[in-house]
């Protein structure tokens, strides 16, 4: 029962769009902005209203402008409606597909094996074990549980993989939202950034495939999470200063380019900040017990900053989660990291 509850919540949040509820609904606004009220609640995330798509933050307010959702950029017009097709934005023309994705950061139009992208069949899914890769009709997929499979960019056991909208594992090349190109291995693993050898793709979703228990409840120790281990930027004045300590190079904290104050990270635009560690442990009494993990990082305003998830091993299991905050524009947001239903969060303030 625990497994069903936790994974139903996490999987639906990660790979399935919300289904509109049949309740009375109406637009409302105040000095802060517009929201869409549904009964006694309000819309969050994507919502189709009168045939048009809108996006609402966790606070319920309608978004406008560019937004990053998983691996894709979308543009929301001044009235909040999602743009599609050829769109002029501040005098520059952009090509968006029919689902609103910016084509410049779209996945390649082909697999290297030239098979047609299609979802896996229910018959095949029913025969596949949970948390595993499988092949059908020349395409590879990753089953999570029941009828759910991965889409988008994921960190799986410390390696990064990319799945298209039908769940097909991508191979060959991938172009990110910024236009950076990545080389993918024959197994789909992201090998390197072809555009910038020093740049790493950092997904907001991660899972692990090794477990010794079906009790998926975990405990989180985030006491070492809000420490800064590295700061990277292609702007020299924002890039962290590194010093040699005999075993290699470490960040010189006497010349900080980003700081921590209480539960808040203070950083600047165009920075990637590596934070400390979230230690994950099983609630089982047995020292050898450790479950599969699904970790999801969410930002209240992903136009300001997002956080990727890195994994590291301890005793043969990926028990350590390391957030990497990527700052885009000046503003404030809250980042929440959810591991098997248990959450921890911190604030991020970004300045120019």
C-alpha atoms as a PDB file:
ATOM      1  CA  UNK A   1       0.000   0.000   0.000  1.00  0.00           C
ATOM      2  CA  UNK A   2       2.839   2.397   0.861  1.00  0.00           C
ATOM      3  CA  UNK A   3       4.398   1.746  -2.531  1.00  0.00           C
ATOM      4  CA  UNK A   4       1.161   2.489  -4.356  1.00  0.00           C
ATOM      5  CA  UNK A   5       0.491   5.745  -2.475  1.00  0.00           C
ATOM      6  CA  UNK A   6       3.995   7.178  -2.813  1.00  0.00           C
ATOM      7  CA  UNK A   7       4.533   6.239  -6.428  1.00  0.00           C
ATOM      8  CA  UNK A   8       1.086   7.282  -7.571  1.00  0.00           C
ATOM      9  CA  UNK A   9       1.803  10.782  -6.233  1.00  0.00           C
ATOM     10  CA  UNK A  10       5.317  11.018  -7.627  1.00  0.00           C
ATOM     11  CA  UNK A  11       4.694   9.480 -11.024  1.00  0.00           C
ATOM     12  CA  UNK A  12       1.612  11.566 -11.700  1.00  0.00           C
ATOM     13  CA  UNK A  13       3.571  14.712 -10.768  1.00  0.00           C
ATOM     14  CA  UNK A  14       6.460  13.790 -13.041  1.00  0.00           C
ATOM     15  CA  UNK A  15       4.985  12.335 -16.220  1.00  0.00           C
ATOM     16  CA  UNK A  16       1.236  12.886 -16.455  1.00  0.00           C
ATOM     17  CA  UNK A  17      -0.676  16.093 -17.178  1.00  0.00           C
ATOM     18  CA  UNK A  18      -3.456  16.935 -14.750  1.00  0.00           C
ATOM     19  CA  UNK A  19      -7.000  16.115 -15.827  1.00  0.00           C
ATOM     20  CA  UNK A  20      -9.386  19.083 -15.440  1.00  0.00           C
ATOM     21  CA  UNK A  21     -12.079  18.604 -12.808  1.00  0.00           C
ATOM     22  CA  UNK A  22     -15.728  19.231 -13.513  1.00  0.00           C
ATOM     23  CA  UNK A  23     -16.320  22.024 -10.995  1.00  0.00           C
ATOM     24  CA  UNK A  24     -17.437  25.626 -11.308  1.00  0.00           C
ATOM     25  CA  UNK A  25     -14.475  27.724 -12.383  1.00  0.00           C
ATOM     26  CA  UNK A  26     -13.774  31.376 -13.160  1.00  0.00           C
ATOM     27  CA  UNK A  27     -10.963  33.875 -13.724  1.00  0.00           C
ATOM     28  CA  UNK A  28     -10.078  36.197 -10.840  1.00  0.00           C
ATOM     29  CA  UNK A  29      -7.400  38.826 -10.297  1.00  0.00           C
ATOM     30  CA  UNK A  30      -5.885  41.204  -7.757  1.00  0.00           C
ATOM     31  CA  UNK A  31      -2.885  43.545  -7.670  1.00  0.00           C
ATOM     32  CA  UNK A  32      -0.511  40.577  -7.964  1.00  0.00           C
ATOM     33  CA  UNK A  33      -2.031  38.971 -11.042  1.00  0.00           C
ATOM     34  CA  UNK A  34      -4.607  36.571 -12.463  1.00  0.00           C
ATOM     35  CA  UNK A  35      -5.580  33.100 -11.257  1.00  0.00           C
ATOM     36  CA  UNK A  36      -8.199  30.527 -12.253  1.00  0.00           C
ATOM     37  CA  UNK A  37     -10.448  29.531  -9.386  1.00  0.00           C
ATOM     38  CA  UNK A  38     -11.920  26.013  -9.402  1.00  0.00           C
ATOM     39  CA  UNK A  39     -14.430  25.534  -6.644  1.00  0.00           C
ATOM     40  CA  UNK A  40     -12.580  26.239  -3.393  1.00  0.00           C
ATOM     41  CA  UNK A  41      -9.145  25.826  -4.956  1.00  0.00           C
ATOM     42  CA  UNK A  42      -7.132  27.251  -7.863  1.00  0.00           C
ATOM     43  CA  UNK A  43      -5.318  25.898 -10.901  1.00  0.00           C
ATOM     44  CA  UNK A  44      -1.594  25.140 -10.870  1.00  0.00           C
ATOM     45  CA  UNK A  45       0.623  23.912 -13.704  1.00  0.00           C
ATOM     46  CA  UNK A  46      -0.813  23.550 -17.204  1.00  0.00           C
ATOM     47  CA  UNK A  47      -4.534  24.159 -17.665  1.00  0.00           C
ATOM     48  CA  UNK A  48      -6.630  24.208 -20.851  1.00  0.00           C
ATOM     49  CA  UNK A  49      -9.345  26.864 -20.674  1.00  0.00           C
ATOM     50  CA  UNK A  50     -11.747  27.466 -23.574  1.00  0.00           C
ATOM     51  CA  UNK A  51      -9.388  25.679 -25.951  1.00  0.00           C
ATOM     52  CA  UNK A  52      -6.266  27.645 -24.930  1.00  0.00           C
ATOM     53  CA  UNK A  53      -3.409  26.455 -22.702  1.00  0.00           C
ATOM     54  CA  UNK A  54      -2.234  28.475 -19.688  1.00  0.00           C
ATOM     55  CA  UNK A  55       0.409  27.836 -17.032  1.00  0.00           C
ATOM     56  CA  UNK A  56      -0.066  28.661 -13.346  1.00  0.00           C
ATOM     57  CA  UNK A  57       2.634  28.717 -10.663  1.00  0.00           C
ATOM     58  CA  UNK A  58       2.410  26.831  -7.375  1.00  0.00           C
ATOM     59  CA  UNK A  59       0.877  29.999  -5.890  1.00  0.00           C
ATOM     60  CA  UNK A  60      -1.876  29.837  -8.528  1.00  0.00           C
ATOM     61  CA  UNK A  61      -0.938  32.983 -10.424  1.00  0.00           C
ATOM     62  CA  UNK A  62      -0.913  32.880 -14.230  1.00  0.00           C
ATOM     63  CA  UNK A  63       2.524  32.995 -15.876  1.00  0.00           C
ATOM     64  CA  UNK A  64       3.538  35.032 -18.920  1.00  0.00           C
ATOM     65  CA  UNK A  65       6.698  35.115 -21.037  1.00  0.00           C
ATOM     66  CA  UNK A  66       9.163  32.252 -21.395  1.00  0.00           C
ATOM     67  CA  UNK A  67       8.851  29.288 -19.027  1.00  0.00           C
ATOM     68  CA  UNK A  68      10.956  26.151 -18.744  1.00  0.00           C
ATOM     69  CA  UNK A  69       8.952  22.958 -18.131  1.00  0.00           C
ATOM     70  CA  UNK A  70      11.167  19.887 -17.774  1.00  0.00           C
ATOM     71  CA  UNK A  71      13.465  19.989 -20.834  1.00  0.00           C
ATOM     72  CA  UNK A  72      11.321  22.353 -22.922  1.00  0.00           C
ATOM     73  CA  UNK A  73      10.826  26.105 -23.313  1.00  0.00           C
ATOM     74  CA  UNK A  74       7.321  27.500 -23.933  1.00  0.00           C
ATOM     75  CA  UNK A  75       6.183  31.074 -24.545  1.00  0.00           C
ATOM     76  CA  UNK A  76       3.089  32.447 -22.816  1.00  0.00           C
ATOM     77  CA  UNK A  77       1.648  35.580 -24.402  1.00  0.00           C
ATOM     78  CA  UNK A  78       0.716  38.731 -22.473  1.00  0.00           C
ATOM     79  CA  UNK A  79      -2.781  37.298 -21.951  1.00  0.00           C
ATOM     80  CA  UNK A  80      -1.222  34.081 -20.612  1.00  0.00           C
ATOM     81  CA  UNK A  81      -2.205  31.891 -23.563  1.00  0.00           C
ATOM     82  CA  UNK A  82       0.484  29.518 -24.835  1.00  0.00           C
ATOM     83  CA  UNK A  83       1.895  30.440 -28.245  1.00  0.00           C
ATOM     84  CA  UNK A  84       2.427  27.943 -31.067  1.00  0.00           C
ATOM     85  CA  UNK A  85       3.657  28.058 -34.652  1.00  0.00           C
ATOM     86  CA  UNK A  86       5.730  30.982 -35.922  1.00  0.00           C
ATOM     87  CA  UNK A  87       5.682  33.625 -33.195  1.00  0.00           C
ATOM     88  CA  UNK A  88       7.258  37.100 -33.085  1.00  0.00           C
ATOM     89  CA  UNK A  89       8.670  37.866 -29.630  1.00  0.00           C
ATOM     90  CA  UNK A  90      10.264  41.273 -29.061  1.00  0.00           C
ATOM     91  CA  UNK A  91      10.910  41.641 -32.777  1.00  0.00           C
ATOM     92  CA  UNK A  92      12.483  38.189 -33.202  1.00  0.00           C
ATOM     93  CA  UNK A  93      10.734  35.253 -34.862  1.00  0.00           C
ATOM     94  CA  UNK A  94      10.634  31.887 -33.076  1.00  0.00           C
ATOM     95  CA  UNK A  95       9.346  28.539 -34.298  1.00  0.00           C
ATOM     96  CA  UNK A  96       7.152  26.684 -31.819  1.00  0.00           C
ATOM     97  CA  UNK A  97       5.553  23.322 -32.546  1.00  0.00           C
ATOM     98  CA  UNK A  98       1.836  22.594 -32.216  1.00  0.00           C
ATOM     99  CA  UNK A  99       2.268  21.715 -28.538  1.00  0.00           C
ATOM    100  CA  UNK A 100       4.076  25.001 -27.852  1.00  0.00           C
ATOM    101  CA  UNK A 101       7.611  23.619 -27.530  1.00  0.00           C
ATOM    102  CA  UNK A 102      10.366  25.869 -28.875  1.00  0.00           C
ATOM    103  CA  UNK A 103      11.719  23.927 -31.846  1.00  0.00           C
ATOM    104  CA  UNK A 104      15.282  25.179 -31.294  1.00  0.00           C
ATOM    105  CA  UNK A 105      15.434  23.022 -28.169  1.00  0.00           C
ATOM    106  CA  UNK A 106      13.366  20.133 -29.526  1.00  0.00           C
ATOM    107  CA  UNK A 107      14.577  16.581 -29.475  1.00  0.00           C
ATOM    108  CA  UNK A 108      15.978  15.316 -32.777  1.00  0.00           C
ATOM    109  CA  UNK A 109      13.316  14.343 -35.309  1.00  0.00           C
ATOM    110  CA  UNK A 110      14.792  10.869 -35.628  1.00  0.00           C
ATOM    111  CA  UNK A 111      16.227   8.051 -33.589  1.00  0.00           C
ATOM    112  CA  UNK A 112      19.554   6.785 -34.838  1.00  0.00           C
ATOM    113  CA  UNK A 113      17.832   3.484 -35.641  1.00  0.00           C
ATOM    114  CA  UNK A 114      15.169   5.378 -37.675  1.00  0.00           C
ATOM    115  CA  UNK A 115      12.284   3.612 -35.908  1.00  0.00           C
ATOM    116  CA  UNK A 116       8.995   5.461 -35.528  1.00  0.00           C
ATOM    117  CA  UNK A 117       8.469   7.046 -32.117  1.00  0.00           C
ATOM    118  CA  UNK A 118       5.387   5.562 -30.470  1.00  0.00           C
ATOM    119  CA  UNK A 119       4.347   4.764 -26.889  1.00  0.00           C
ATOM    120  CA  UNK A 120       4.944   1.237 -25.588  1.00  0.00           C
ATOM    121  CA  UNK A 121       2.020  -1.151 -25.804  1.00  0.00           C
ATOM    122  CA  UNK A 122      -0.008  -2.090 -22.735  1.00  0.00           C
ATOM    123  CA  UNK A 123       0.647  -5.752 -23.480  1.00  0.00           C
ATOM    124  CA  UNK A 124       4.408  -5.255 -23.385  1.00  0.00           C
ATOM    125  CA  UNK A 125       4.296  -3.053 -20.285  1.00  0.00           C
ATOM    126  CA  UNK A 126       2.363  -5.713 -18.393  1.00  0.00           C
ATOM    127  CA  UNK A 127       5.220  -8.194 -18.836  1.00  0.00           C
ATOM    128  CA  UNK A 128       8.084  -5.869 -17.792  1.00  0.00           C
ATOM    129  CA  UNK A 129       9.422  -5.625 -14.249  1.00  0.00           C
ATOM    130  CA  UNK A 130       9.349  -2.255 -12.481  1.00  0.00           C
ATOM    131  CA  UNK A 131      12.307   0.139 -12.759  1.00  0.00           C
ATOM    132  CA  UNK A 132      13.830  -1.333 -15.891  1.00  0.00           C
ATOM    133  CA  UNK A 133      14.670  -0.608 -19.527  1.00  0.00           C
ATOM    134  CA  UNK A 134      12.949  -2.681 -22.195  1.00  0.00           C
ATOM    135  CA  UNK A 135      12.697  -2.820 -25.988  1.00  0.00           C
ATOM    136  CA  UNK A 136       9.706  -2.925 -28.302  1.00  0.00           C
ATOM    137  CA  UNK A 137       9.621  -2.446 -32.086  1.00  0.00           C
ATOM    138  CA  UNK A 138      13.250  -1.341 -32.072  1.00  0.00           C
ATOM    139  CA  UNK A 139      12.684   1.423 -29.485  1.00  0.00           C
ATOM    140  CA  UNK A 140      13.793   1.412 -25.851  1.00  0.00           C
ATOM    141  CA  UNK A 141      11.692   2.602 -22.914  1.00  0.00           C
ATOM    142  CA  UNK A 142      11.999   2.738 -19.137  1.00  0.00           C
ATOM    143  CA  UNK A 143       9.141   1.379 -17.057  1.00  0.00           C
ATOM    144  CA  UNK A 144       8.629   2.863 -13.603  1.00  0.00           C
ATOM    145  CA  UNK A 145       5.615   1.018 -12.259  1.00  0.00           C
ATOM    146  CA  UNK A 146       2.279  -0.297 -13.532  1.00  0.00           C
ATOM    147  CA  UNK A 147       1.499   1.633 -16.763  1.00  0.00           C
ATOM    148  CA  UNK A 148       3.936   4.500 -16.134  1.00  0.00           C
ATOM    149  CA  UNK A 149       7.107   5.087 -18.134  1.00  0.00           C
ATOM    150  CA  UNK A 150       9.687   7.875 -18.253  1.00  0.00           C
ATOM    151  CA  UNK A 151       9.511  10.990 -20.416  1.00  0.00           C
ATOM    152  CA  UNK A 152      11.920  13.932 -20.561  1.00  0.00           C
ATOM    153  CA  UNK A 153      15.409  14.180 -19.038  1.00  0.00           C
ATOM    154  CA  UNK A 154      16.248  11.880 -16.099  1.00  0.00           C
ATOM    155  CA  UNK A 155      19.208  11.007 -13.912  1.00  0.00           C
ATOM    156  CA  UNK A 156      19.079   7.209 -13.584  1.00  0.00           C
ATOM    157  CA  UNK A 157      21.626   5.682 -11.210  1.00  0.00           C
ATOM    158  CA  UNK A 158      23.983   8.615 -11.733  1.00  0.00           C
ATOM    159  CA  UNK A 159      23.785   8.699 -15.544  1.00  0.00           C
ATOM    160  CA  UNK A 160      21.617  11.058 -17.595  1.00  0.00           C
ATOM    161  CA  UNK A 161      19.139   9.809 -20.199  1.00  0.00           C
ATOM    162  CA  UNK A 162      16.645  11.582 -22.449  1.00  0.00           C
ATOM    163  CA  UNK A 163      13.230  10.190 -23.428  1.00  0.00           C
ATOM    164  CA  UNK A 164      10.890  11.799 -25.956  1.00  0.00           C
ATOM    165  CA  UNK A 165       7.195  12.532 -25.456  1.00  0.00           C
ATOM    166  CA  UNK A 166       6.340   8.894 -26.257  1.00  0.00           C
ATOM    167  CA  UNK A 167       8.909   7.564 -23.804  1.00  0.00           C
ATOM    168  CA  UNK A 168      11.430   6.517 -26.483  1.00  0.00           C
ATOM    169  CA  UNK A 169      15.043   6.607 -25.284  1.00  0.00           C
ATOM    170  CA  UNK A 170      17.019   9.044 -27.444  1.00  0.00           C
ATOM    171  CA  UNK A 171      20.386   8.255 -29.018  1.00  0.00           C
ATOM    172  CA  UNK A 172      22.793  10.156 -31.244  1.00  0.00           C
ATOM    173  CA  UNK A 173      22.435  13.884 -30.494  1.00  0.00           C
ATOM    174  CA  UNK A 174      20.207  16.047 -28.293  1.00  0.00           C
ATOM    175  CA  UNK A 175      19.813  19.844 -28.417  1.00  0.00           C
ATOM    176  CA  UNK A 176      18.913  21.561 -25.136  1.00  0.00           C
ATOM    177  CA  UNK A 177      16.751  24.633 -24.554  1.00  0.00           C
ATOM    178  CA  UNK A 178      19.843  26.866 -24.780  1.00  0.00           C
ATOM    179  CA  UNK A 179      20.881  25.394 -28.137  1.00  0.00           C
ATOM    180  CA  UNK A 180      23.675  23.270 -26.664  1.00  0.00           C
ATOM    181  CA  UNK A 181      24.192  19.933 -28.393  1.00  0.00           C
ATOM    182  CA  UNK A 182      24.985  16.711 -26.520  1.00  0.00           C
ATOM    183  CA  UNK A 183      26.435  13.431 -27.717  1.00  0.00           C
ATOM    184  CA  UNK A 184      24.518  10.358 -26.539  1.00  0.00           C
ATOM    185  CA  UNK A 185      25.913   6.833 -26.387  1.00  0.00           C
ATOM    186  CA  UNK A 186      24.496   3.722 -28.031  1.00  0.00           C
ATOM    187  CA  UNK A 187      22.890   2.989 -24.655  1.00  0.00           C
ATOM    188  CA  UNK A 188      21.336   6.489 -24.599  1.00  0.00           C
ATOM    189  CA  UNK A 189      23.594   7.785 -21.840  1.00  0.00           C
ATOM    190  CA  UNK A 190      24.561  11.458 -22.181  1.00  0.00           C
ATOM    191  CA  UNK A 191      28.322  11.439 -22.832  1.00  0.00           C
ATOM    192  CA  UNK A 192      29.323  15.061 -23.357  1.00  0.00           C
ATOM    193  CA  UNK A 193      28.215  18.509 -24.403  1.00  0.00           C
ATOM    194  CA  UNK A 194      29.446  19.078 -27.952  1.00  0.00           C
ATOM    195  CA  UNK A 195      28.924  22.841 -27.763  1.00  0.00           C
ATOM    196  CA  UNK A 196      30.744  23.395 -24.451  1.00  0.00           C
ATOM    197  CA  UNK A 197      32.991  20.683 -23.001  1.00  0.00           C
ATOM    198  CA  UNK A 198      32.713  22.242 -19.528  1.00  0.00           C
ATOM    199  CA  UNK A 199      28.901  22.273 -19.457  1.00  0.00           C
ATOM    200  CA  UNK A 200      26.846  19.495 -17.867  1.00  0.00           C
ATOM    201  CA  UNK A 201      23.168  18.721 -18.381  1.00  0.00           C
ATOM    202  CA  UNK A 202      21.529  18.635 -14.950  1.00  0.00           C
ATOM    203  CA  UNK A 203      17.991  17.153 -14.864  1.00  0.00           C
ATOM    204  CA  UNK A 204      15.362  17.958 -12.247  1.00  0.00           C
ATOM    205  CA  UNK A 205      14.292  14.292 -12.034  1.00  0.00           C
ATOM    206  CA  UNK A 206      16.209  11.274 -10.758  1.00  0.00           C
ATOM    207  CA  UNK A 207      15.563   7.652  -9.859  1.00  0.00           C
ATOM    208  CA  UNK A 208      17.494   4.610  -8.714  1.00  0.00           C
ATOM    209  CA  UNK A 209      17.002   0.987  -9.724  1.00  0.00           C
ATOM    210  CA  UNK A 210      18.659  -0.963  -6.897  1.00  0.00           C
ATOM    211  CA  UNK A 211      16.713  -1.803  -3.738  1.00  0.00           C
ATOM    212  CA  UNK A 212      16.525  -4.382  -0.967  1.00  0.00           C
ATOM    213  CA  UNK A 213      13.068  -3.550   0.385  1.00  0.00           C
ATOM    214  CA  UNK A 214       9.576  -2.743  -0.864  1.00  0.00           C
ATOM    215  CA  UNK A 215       9.021  -0.283   1.975  1.00  0.00           C
ATOM    216  CA  UNK A 216       9.505   2.957   0.047  1.00  0.00           C
ATOM    217  CA  UNK A 217       9.309   5.290   3.051  1.00  0.00           C
ATOM    218  CA  UNK A 218      12.515   7.243   3.648  1.00  0.00           C
ATOM    219  CA  UNK A 219      14.056   9.809   5.986  1.00  0.00           C
ATOM    220  CA  UNK A 220      15.994  12.854   4.792  1.00  0.00           C
ATOM    221  CA  UNK A 221      18.946  14.479   6.545  1.00  0.00           C
ATOM    222  CA  UNK A 222      19.328  17.910   4.936  1.00  0.00           C
ATOM    223  CA  UNK A 223      21.636  19.388   7.587  1.00  0.00           C
ATOM    224  CA  UNK A 224      24.486  19.595   5.058  1.00  0.00           C
ATOM    225  CA  UNK A 225      22.380  20.608   2.061  1.00  0.00           C
ATOM    226  CA  UNK A 226      22.885  24.371   2.266  1.00  0.00           C
ATOM    227  CA  UNK A 227      26.633  24.502   1.841  1.00  0.00           C
ATOM    228  CA  UNK A 228      28.221  25.777  -1.360  1.00  0.00           C
ATOM    229  CA  UNK A 229      30.738  23.379  -2.891  1.00  0.00           C
ATOM    230  CA  UNK A 230      31.266  25.083  -6.259  1.00  0.00           C
ATOM    231  CA  UNK A 231      30.137  28.069  -8.315  1.00  0.00           C
ATOM    232  CA  UNK A 232      30.415  28.082 -12.104  1.00  0.00           C
ATOM    233  CA  UNK A 233      29.721  30.830 -14.621  1.00  0.00           C
ATOM    234  CA  UNK A 234      31.001  31.794 -18.053  1.00  0.00           C
ATOM    235  CA  UNK A 235      31.188  35.364 -16.730  1.00  0.00           C
ATOM    236  CA  UNK A 236      34.597  35.607 -14.962  1.00  0.00           C
ATOM    237  CA  UNK A 237      33.391  38.021 -12.275  1.00  0.00           C
ATOM    238  CA  UNK A 238      30.676  35.512 -11.267  1.00  0.00           C
ATOM    239  CA  UNK A 239      32.787  32.341 -11.504  1.00  0.00           C
ATOM    240  CA  UNK A 240      33.984  30.798  -8.248  1.00  0.00           C
ATOM    241  CA  UNK A 241      37.653  31.110  -7.260  1.00  0.00           C
ATOM    242  CA  UNK A 242      39.372  27.735  -6.815  1.00  0.00           C
ATOM    243  CA  UNK A 243      42.524  26.983  -4.841  1.00  0.00           C
ATOM    244  CA  UNK A 244      44.761  23.908  -4.699  1.00  0.00           C
ATOM    245  CA  UNK A 245      44.671  22.046  -1.388  1.00  0.00           C
ATOM    246  CA  UNK A 246      47.103  19.190  -2.075  1.00  0.00           C
ATOM    247  CA  UNK A 247      44.458  16.718  -3.268  1.00  0.00           C
ATOM    248  CA  UNK A 248      43.072  18.889  -6.055  1.00  0.00           C
ATOM    249  CA  UNK A 249      41.159  22.138  -6.339  1.00  0.00           C
ATOM    250  CA  UNK A 250      38.401  23.354  -4.054  1.00  0.00           C
ATOM    251  CA  UNK A 251      36.273  26.473  -3.841  1.00  0.00           C
ATOM    252  CA  UNK A 252      37.905  29.435  -2.087  1.00  0.00           C
ATOM    253  CA  UNK A 253      35.181  30.462   0.358  1.00  0.00           C
ATOM    254  CA  UNK A 254      37.124  33.576   1.373  1.00  0.00           C
ATOM    255  CA  UNK A 255      36.168  35.022  -2.020  1.00  0.00           C
ATOM    256  CA  UNK A 256      32.526  33.942  -2.297  1.00  0.00           C
ATOM    257  CA  UNK A 257      30.562  34.421  -5.499  1.00  0.00           C
ATOM    258  CA  UNK A 258      27.390  33.091  -3.832  1.00  0.00           C
ATOM    259  CA  UNK A 259      26.384  32.917  -0.170  1.00  0.00           C
ATOM    260  CA  UNK A 260      24.019  31.128   2.213  1.00  0.00           C
ATOM    261  CA  UNK A 261      22.012  33.068   4.789  1.00  0.00           C
ATOM    262  CA  UNK A 262      19.823  30.833   6.924  1.00  0.00           C
ATOM    263  CA  UNK A 263      17.598  28.868   4.561  1.00  0.00           C
ATOM    264  CA  UNK A 264      18.316  31.131   1.586  1.00  0.00           C
ATOM    265  CA  UNK A 265      20.851  30.867  -1.223  1.00  0.00           C
ATOM    266  CA  UNK A 266      21.955  34.256  -2.558  1.00  0.00           C
ATOM    267  CA  UNK A 267      23.420  34.063  -6.055  1.00  0.00           C
ATOM    268  CA  UNK A 268      23.630  35.923  -9.363  1.00  0.00           C
ATOM    269  CA  UNK A 269      22.273  35.403 -12.848  1.00  0.00           C
ATOM    270  CA  UNK A 270      24.102  32.974 -15.141  1.00  0.00           C
ATOM    271  CA  UNK A 271      25.535  30.958 -12.260  1.00  0.00           C
ATOM    272  CA  UNK A 272      25.398  27.224 -11.521  1.00  0.00           C
ATOM    273  CA  UNK A 273      25.817  26.586  -7.801  1.00  0.00           C
ATOM    274  CA  UNK A 274      26.647  23.108  -6.516  1.00  0.00           C
ATOM    275  CA  UNK A 275      25.215  22.597  -3.037  1.00  0.00           C
ATOM    276  CA  UNK A 276      25.985  20.053  -0.337  1.00  0.00           C
ATOM    277  CA  UNK A 277      24.222  16.785   0.361  1.00  0.00           C
ATOM    278  CA  UNK A 278      20.815  15.409   1.278  1.00  0.00           C
ATOM    279  CA  UNK A 279      21.364  12.051   2.985  1.00  0.00           C
ATOM    280  CA  UNK A 280      18.595   9.510   2.338  1.00  0.00           C
ATOM    281  CA  UNK A 281      17.965   6.542   4.622  1.00  0.00           C
ATOM    282  CA  UNK A 282      15.307   3.856   4.880  1.00  0.00           C
ATOM    283  CA  UNK A 283      12.826   3.815   7.757  1.00  0.00           C
ATOM    284  CA  UNK A 284      13.370   0.054   8.043  1.00  0.00           C
ATOM    285  CA  UNK A 285      15.331  -1.082  11.080  1.00  0.00           C
ATOM    286  CA  UNK A 286      17.552  -3.382   9.017  1.00  0.00           C
ATOM    287  CA  UNK A 287      20.833  -1.662   8.167  1.00  0.00           C
ATOM    288  CA  UNK A 288      20.885  -3.367   4.749  1.00  0.00           C
ATOM    289  CA  UNK A 289      17.429  -2.088   3.730  1.00  0.00           C
ATOM    290  CA  UNK A 290      17.245   0.595   1.064  1.00  0.00           C
ATOM    291  CA  UNK A 291      14.437   1.268  -1.445  1.00  0.00           C
ATOM    292  CA  UNK A 292      14.219   2.538  -5.005  1.00  0.00           C
ATOM    293  CA  UNK A 293      14.167   6.327  -5.046  1.00  0.00           C
ATOM    294  CA  UNK A 294      12.300   8.832  -7.170  1.00  0.00           C
ATOM    295  CA  UNK A 295      13.540  12.384  -6.563  1.00  0.00           C
ATOM    296  CA  UNK A 296      11.861  15.435  -8.076  1.00  0.00           C
ATOM    297  CA  UNK A 297      13.067  19.034  -7.839  1.00  0.00           C
ATOM    298  CA  UNK A 298      10.489  21.792  -8.367  1.00  0.00           C
ATOM    299  CA  UNK A 299      10.938  25.560  -8.452  1.00  0.00           C
ATOM    300  CA  UNK A 300       8.029  27.895  -7.705  1.00  0.00           C
ATOM    301  CA  UNK A 301       9.329  30.178 -10.457  1.00  0.00           C
ATOM    302  CA  UNK A 302      11.532  28.301 -12.901  1.00  0.00           C
ATOM    303  CA  UNK A 303      12.142  31.448 -14.918  1.00  0.00           C
ATOM    304  CA  UNK A 304      14.254  32.669 -11.951  1.00  0.00           C
ATOM    305  CA  UNK A 305      16.102  29.472 -11.005  1.00  0.00           C
ATOM    306  CA  UNK A 306      15.802  25.684 -11.074  1.00  0.00           C
ATOM    307  CA  UNK A 307      17.689  22.908  -9.337  1.00  0.00           C
ATOM    308  CA  UNK A 308      19.102  19.814 -10.959  1.00  0.00           C
ATOM    309  CA  UNK A 309      19.698  16.574  -9.060  1.00  0.00           C
ATOM    310  CA  UNK A 310      22.980  14.678  -8.857  1.00  0.00           C
ATOM    311  CA  UNK A 311      23.365  11.266  -7.184  1.00  0.00           C
ATOM    312  CA  UNK A 312      26.320   9.692  -5.406  1.00  0.00           C
ATOM    313  CA  UNK A 313      26.961   6.237  -3.977  1.00  0.00           C
ATOM    314  CA  UNK A 314      27.349   5.065  -0.410  1.00  0.00           C
ATOM    315  CA  UNK A 315      27.608   1.364   0.491  1.00  0.00           C
ATOM    316  CA  UNK A 316      26.526   0.379  -3.012  1.00  0.00           C
ATOM    317  CA  UNK A 317      23.345   2.503  -3.032  1.00  0.00           C
ATOM    318  CA  UNK A 318      22.636   6.016  -4.290  1.00  0.00           C
ATOM    319  CA  UNK A 319      21.927   7.441  -0.843  1.00  0.00           C
ATOM    320  CA  UNK A 320      23.201  10.979  -1.435  1.00  0.00           C
ATOM    321  CA  UNK A 321      21.429  13.705  -3.405  1.00  0.00           C
ATOM    322  CA  UNK A 322      23.348  16.825  -4.419  1.00  0.00           C
ATOM    323  CA  UNK A 323      21.319  19.799  -5.739  1.00  0.00           C
ATOM    324  CA  UNK A 324      22.753  22.121  -8.399  1.00  0.00           C
ATOM    325  CA  UNK A 325      20.960  25.465  -8.639  1.00  0.00           C
ATOM    326  CA  UNK A 326      20.951  27.150 -12.053  1.00  0.00           C
ATOM    327  CA  UNK A 327      20.102  30.867 -11.870  1.00  0.00           C
ATOM    328  CA  UNK A 328      18.486  32.542 -14.881  1.00  0.00           C
ATOM    329  CA  UNK A 329      17.163  35.968 -13.983  1.00  0.00           C
ATOM    330  CA  UNK A 330      16.839  38.315 -10.999  1.00  0.00           C
ATOM    331  CA  UNK A 331      14.052  37.379  -8.607  1.00  0.00           C
ATOM    332  CA  UNK A 332      13.101  35.010  -5.809  1.00  0.00           C
ATOM    333  CA  UNK A 333      11.889  31.427  -5.832  1.00  0.00           C
ATOM    334  CA  UNK A 334      11.550  28.439  -3.533  1.00  0.00           C
ATOM    335  CA  UNK A 335      12.961  25.083  -4.573  1.00  0.00           C
ATOM    336  CA  UNK A 336      11.428  21.903  -3.148  1.00  0.00           C
ATOM    337  CA  UNK A 337      13.081  18.503  -3.453  1.00  0.00           C
ATOM    338  CA  UNK A 338      10.725  15.545  -3.043  1.00  0.00           C
ATOM    339  CA  UNK A 339      12.202  12.096  -2.388  1.00  0.00           C
ATOM    340  CA  UNK A 340       9.614   9.291  -2.245  1.00  0.00           C
ATOM    341  CA  UNK A 341       7.059  11.768  -0.911  1.00  0.00           C
ATOM    342  CA  UNK A 342       9.310  13.351   1.746  1.00  0.00           C
ATOM    343  CA  UNK A 343      10.174  16.985   1.047  1.00  0.00           C
ATOM    344  CA  UNK A 344      12.806  19.553   1.902  1.00  0.00           C
ATOM    345  CA  UNK A 345      13.020  23.083   0.540  1.00  0.00           C
ATOM    346  CA  UNK A 346      15.078  26.264   0.455  1.00  0.00           C
ATOM    347  CA  UNK A 347      14.750  29.775  -0.945  1.00  0.00           C
ATOM    348  CA  UNK A 348      16.832  31.275  -3.740  1.00  0.00           C
ATOM    349  CA  UNK A 349      17.351  35.012  -4.284  1.00  0.00           C
ATOM    350  CA  UNK A 350      18.976  35.904  -7.597  1.00  0.00           C
ATOM    351  CA  UNK A 351      20.457  39.314  -8.388  1.00  0.00           C
ATOM    352  CA  UNK A 352      22.145  40.645 -11.501  1.00  0.00           C
END
